[in-house]
Amino acid sequence: MPKGNGEILNYAEKLAADAGGAILQWIIDGAVMFCRNRFHLTIPYAIAVAAQEYKQREDWLHLFLSECCTQEYGARIRCGELYNAYKEYAVSTGDYCRRLTDFNAAMETAGFKQLLKMGNKKFWIGIRLRGFHEESCEYVSF
């Protein structure tokens, strides 16, 4: 059955003929265990750890905030200025630059609040930029 390059023609048929009963039993045993476990799959510890590490590595907002911003009581920054700083950061790191609506939603999910001032100016409160962006930050007393 193998061809010259080691490929087996009709492998599914060969597998079914040689091991079909064992494969079917494996499927049945797995289904029974799944039912006994109330239709819940237990995630192996190694998988859970790897998934958590991946999430932390890929948390684009957290990376931006931890590298470019400081959370500080009384600080505020215009929403547009923070987003522009994020865009610069994304370009400089080669990361995908999210849209403004996605950025704002992520900021709100992270617990930041917007403040609307007269003249329709929006600010993120409790945060400021570090480094070369510091001149764009303002402080407000509560």
C-alpha atoms as a PDB file:
ATOM      1  CA  MET A   1       0.000   0.000   0.000  1.00  0.00           C
ATOM      2  CA  PRO A   2       2.719   2.591   0.662  1.00  0.00           C
ATOM      3  CA  LYS A   3       3.774   4.663  -2.286  1.00  0.00           C
ATOM      4  CA  GLY A   4       7.398   5.395  -3.061  1.00  0.00           C
ATOM      5  CA  ASN A   5       7.465   8.388  -0.661  1.00  0.00           C
ATOM      6  CA  GLY A   6       6.022   6.442   2.311  1.00  0.00           C
ATOM      7  CA  GLU A   7       2.468   7.773   1.857  1.00  0.00           C
ATOM      8  CA  ILE A   8      -0.266   5.212   2.507  1.00  0.00           C
ATOM      9  CA  LEU A   9      -3.133   5.349   0.051  1.00  0.00           C
ATOM     10  CA  ASN A  10      -6.632   5.131   1.548  1.00  0.00           C
ATOM     11  CA  TYR A  11      -5.231   5.501   5.047  1.00  0.00           C
ATOM     12  CA  ALA A  12      -8.682   6.078   6.571  1.00  0.00           C
ATOM     13  CA  GLU A  13      -9.846   2.706   5.279  1.00  0.00           C
ATOM     14  CA  LYS A  14      -6.680   0.986   6.545  1.00  0.00           C
ATOM     15  CA  LEU A  15      -7.017   2.670   9.944  1.00  0.00           C
ATOM     16  CA  ALA A  16     -10.692   1.678  10.222  1.00  0.00           C
ATOM     17  CA  ALA A  17      -9.899  -1.908   9.311  1.00  0.00           C
ATOM     18  CA  ASP A  18      -6.893  -2.222  11.642  1.00  0.00           C
ATOM     19  CA  ALA A  19      -8.011  -0.176  14.639  1.00  0.00           C
ATOM     20  CA  GLY A  20     -11.660   0.749  14.096  1.00  0.00           C
ATOM     21  CA  GLY A  21     -12.913  -1.146  17.147  1.00  0.00           C
ATOM     22  CA  ALA A  22     -10.331   0.437  19.451  1.00  0.00           C
ATOM     23  CA  ILE A  23     -11.047   3.932  18.094  1.00  0.00           C
ATOM     24  CA  LEU A  24     -14.789   3.451  18.548  1.00  0.00           C
ATOM     25  CA  GLN A  25     -14.255   2.212  22.124  1.00  0.00           C
ATOM     26  CA  TRP A  26     -12.034   5.234  22.853  1.00  0.00           C
ATOM     27  CA  ILE A  27     -14.806   7.548  21.607  1.00  0.00           C
ATOM     28  CA  ILE A  28     -17.448   5.772  23.698  1.00  0.00           C
ATOM     29  CA  ASP A  29     -15.263   5.821  26.842  1.00  0.00           C
ATOM     30  CA  GLY A  30     -14.637   9.535  26.368  1.00  0.00           C
ATOM     31  CA  ALA A  31     -18.350  10.238  25.899  1.00  0.00           C
ATOM     32  CA  VAL A  32     -19.220   8.287  29.065  1.00  0.00           C
ATOM     33  CA  MET A  33     -16.569  10.178  31.088  1.00  0.00           C
ATOM     34  CA  PHE A  34     -17.863  13.483  29.684  1.00  0.00           C
ATOM     35  CA  CYS A  35     -21.431  12.622  30.757  1.00  0.00           C
ATOM     36  CA  ARG A  36     -20.291  11.501  34.218  1.00  0.00           C
ATOM     37  CA  ASN A  37     -18.437  14.780  34.602  1.00  0.00           C
ATOM     38  CA  ARG A  38     -21.719  16.650  33.970  1.00  0.00           C
ATOM     39  CA  PHE A  39     -20.631  17.684  30.470  1.00  0.00           C
ATOM     40  CA  HIS A  40     -17.597  19.562  31.746  1.00  0.00           C
ATOM     41  CA  LEU A  41     -14.065  19.135  30.478  1.00  0.00           C
ATOM     42  CA  THR A  42     -11.289  19.507  33.002  1.00  0.00           C
ATOM     43  CA  ILE A  43      -8.526  21.661  31.581  1.00  0.00           C
ATOM     44  CA  PRO A  44      -5.084  20.214  32.322  1.00  0.00           C
ATOM     45  CA  TYR A  45      -2.936  22.409  34.547  1.00  0.00           C
ATOM     46  CA  ALA A  46      -0.204  22.810  31.913  1.00  0.00           C
ATOM     47  CA  ILE A  47      -2.772  24.047  29.396  1.00  0.00           C
ATOM     48  CA  ALA A  48      -4.267  26.517  31.877  1.00  0.00           C
ATOM     49  CA  VAL A  49      -0.805  27.909  32.708  1.00  0.00           C
ATOM     50  CA  ALA A  50       0.140  28.207  29.032  1.00  0.00           C
ATOM     51  CA  ALA A  51      -3.153  29.943  28.222  1.00  0.00           C
ATOM     52  CA  GLN A  52      -2.665  32.437  31.071  1.00  0.00           C
ATOM     53  CA  GLU A  53       0.896  33.189  29.947  1.00  0.00           C
ATOM     54  CA  TYR A  54      -0.310  33.697  26.385  1.00  0.00           C
ATOM     55  CA  LYS A  55      -3.074  36.061  27.513  1.00  0.00           C
ATOM     56  CA  GLN A  56      -0.593  38.123  29.502  1.00  0.00           C
ATOM     57  CA  ARG A  57       1.844  38.300  26.565  1.00  0.00           C
ATOM     58  CA  GLU A  58      -0.921  39.322  24.184  1.00  0.00           C
ATOM     59  CA  ASP A  59      -2.685  41.855  26.445  1.00  0.00           C
ATOM     60  CA  TRP A  60      -1.929  44.839  24.227  1.00  0.00           C
ATOM     61  CA  LEU A  61      -3.601  47.407  26.478  1.00  0.00           C
ATOM     62  CA  HIS A  62      -1.780  46.236  29.599  1.00  0.00           C
ATOM     63  CA  LEU A  63       1.540  46.320  27.732  1.00  0.00           C
ATOM     64  CA  PHE A  64       0.899  49.890  26.546  1.00  0.00           C
ATOM     65  CA  LEU A  65      -0.267  51.084  29.961  1.00  0.00           C
ATOM     66  CA  SER A  66       2.613  49.449  31.841  1.00  0.00           C
ATOM     67  CA  GLU A  67       5.266  50.812  29.474  1.00  0.00           C
ATOM     68  CA  CYS A  68       3.899  54.292  28.749  1.00  0.00           C
ATOM     69  CA  CYS A  69       1.491  55.341  31.489  1.00  0.00           C
ATOM     70  CA  THR A  70       1.197  55.863  35.208  1.00  0.00           C
ATOM     71  CA  GLN A  71      -2.022  55.454  37.131  1.00  0.00           C
ATOM     72  CA  GLU A  72      -2.253  58.338  39.536  1.00  0.00           C
ATOM     73  CA  TYR A  73      -5.051  59.827  41.597  1.00  0.00           C
ATOM     74  CA  GLY A  74      -5.989  63.255  40.258  1.00  0.00           C
ATOM     75  CA  ALA A  75      -4.332  62.807  36.880  1.00  0.00           C
ATOM     76  CA  ARG A  76      -6.218  63.123  33.633  1.00  0.00           C
ATOM     77  CA  ILE A  77      -5.374  63.183  29.957  1.00  0.00           C
ATOM     78  CA  ARG A  78      -7.373  64.023  26.873  1.00  0.00           C
ATOM     79  CA  CYS A  79      -8.800  60.888  25.292  1.00  0.00           C
ATOM     80  CA  GLY A  80      -7.446  61.789  21.861  1.00  0.00           C
ATOM     81  CA  GLU A  81      -3.935  62.368  23.199  1.00  0.00           C
ATOM     82  CA  LEU A  82      -3.858  59.023  24.976  1.00  0.00           C
ATOM     83  CA  TYR A  83      -5.113  57.260  21.870  1.00  0.00           C
ATOM     84  CA  ASN A  84      -2.496  59.011  19.720  1.00  0.00           C
ATOM     85  CA  ALA A  85       0.215  57.896  22.146  1.00  0.00           C
ATOM     86  CA  TYR A  86      -1.150  54.348  21.913  1.00  0.00           C
ATOM     87  CA  LYS A  87      -1.015  54.501  18.105  1.00  0.00           C
ATOM     88  CA  GLU A  88       2.611  55.671  18.225  1.00  0.00           C
ATOM     89  CA  TYR A  89       3.406  52.859  20.651  1.00  0.00           C
ATOM     90  CA  ALA A  90       1.714  50.247  18.455  1.00  0.00           C
ATOM     91  CA  VAL A  91       3.636  51.394  15.385  1.00  0.00           C
ATOM     92  CA  SER A  92       6.948  51.497  17.269  1.00  0.00           C
ATOM     93  CA  THR A  93       6.474  47.942  18.591  1.00  0.00           C
ATOM     94  CA  GLY A  94       5.147  46.554  15.320  1.00  0.00           C
ATOM     95  CA  ASP A  95       1.844  45.691  16.951  1.00  0.00           C
ATOM     96  CA  TYR A  96      -1.553  45.907  15.278  1.00  0.00           C
ATOM     97  CA  CYS A  97      -3.117  49.310  15.975  1.00  0.00           C
ATOM     98  CA  ARG A  98      -6.662  48.951  17.277  1.00  0.00           C
ATOM     99  CA  ARG A  99      -9.442  51.335  16.295  1.00  0.00           C
ATOM    100  CA  LEU A 100     -10.474  54.123  18.641  1.00  0.00           C
ATOM    101  CA  THR A 101     -13.719  52.362  19.573  1.00  0.00           C
ATOM    102  CA  ASP A 102     -11.792  49.189  20.478  1.00  0.00           C
ATOM    103  CA  PHE A 103      -9.253  51.205  22.470  1.00  0.00           C
ATOM    104  CA  ASN A 104     -12.002  53.009  24.408  1.00  0.00           C
ATOM    105  CA  ALA A 105     -13.859  49.763  25.110  1.00  0.00           C
ATOM    106  CA  ALA A 106     -10.654  48.141  26.393  1.00  0.00           C
ATOM    107  CA  MET A 107      -9.941  51.147  28.630  1.00  0.00           C
ATOM    108  CA  GLU A 108     -13.443  50.963  30.106  1.00  0.00           C
ATOM    109  CA  THR A 109     -13.148  47.206  30.602  1.00  0.00           C
ATOM    110  CA  ALA A 110      -9.870  47.863  32.437  1.00  0.00           C
ATOM    111  CA  GLY A 111     -11.798  50.131  34.821  1.00  0.00           C
ATOM    112  CA  PHE A 112     -10.912  53.594  33.536  1.00  0.00           C
ATOM    113  CA  LYS A 113     -13.577  56.277  33.381  1.00  0.00           C
ATOM    114  CA  GLN A 114     -14.048  59.146  30.972  1.00  0.00           C
ATOM    115  CA  LEU A 115     -14.786  62.673  32.076  1.00  0.00           C
ATOM    116  CA  LEU A 116     -16.548  65.136  29.780  1.00  0.00           C
ATOM    117  CA  LYS A 117     -15.593  68.770  30.288  1.00  0.00           C
ATOM    118  CA  MET A 118     -17.061  71.932  28.796  1.00  0.00           C
ATOM    119  CA  GLY A 119     -16.366  72.248  25.097  1.00  0.00           C
ATOM    120  CA  ASN A 120     -16.993  68.536  24.585  1.00  0.00           C
ATOM    121  CA  LYS A 121     -13.462  67.639  25.656  1.00  0.00           C
ATOM    122  CA  LYS A 122     -13.168  64.092  26.929  1.00  0.00           C
ATOM    123  CA  PHE A 123     -10.534  63.010  29.417  1.00  0.00           C
ATOM    124  CA  TRP A 124      -9.447  59.690  30.870  1.00  0.00           C
ATOM    125  CA  ILE A 125      -9.152  60.194  34.616  1.00  0.00           C
ATOM    126  CA  GLY A 126      -6.641  58.574  36.953  1.00  0.00           C
ATOM    127  CA  ILE A 127      -3.974  58.117  34.319  1.00  0.00           C
ATOM    128  CA  ARG A 128      -1.130  60.037  32.737  1.00  0.00           C
ATOM    129  CA  LEU A 129       1.575  59.375  30.179  1.00  0.00           C
ATOM    130  CA  ARG A 130       5.207  58.977  31.203  1.00  0.00           C
ATOM    131  CA  GLY A 131       8.327  60.220  29.474  1.00  0.00           C
ATOM    132  CA  PHE A 132       8.144  62.436  26.407  1.00  0.00           C
ATOM    133  CA  HIS A 133       4.344  62.660  26.642  1.00  0.00           C
ATOM    134  CA  GLU A 134       4.184  64.187  30.122  1.00  0.00           C
ATOM    135  CA  GLU A 135       3.497  67.703  28.842  1.00  0.00           C
ATOM    136  CA  SER A 136       0.063  66.544  27.614  1.00  0.00           C
ATOM    137  CA  CYS A 137      -1.095  65.490  31.069  1.00  0.00           C
ATOM    138  CA  GLU A 138      -3.166  67.602  33.366  1.00  0.00           C
ATOM    139  CA  TYR A 139      -4.058  67.247  37.038  1.00  0.00           C
ATOM    140  CA  VAL A 140      -7.428  67.793  38.569  1.00  0.00           C
ATOM    141  CA  SER A 141      -8.426  67.900  42.223  1.00  0.00           C
ATOM    142  CA  PHE A 142     -11.462  65.949  43.331  1.00  0.00           C
END
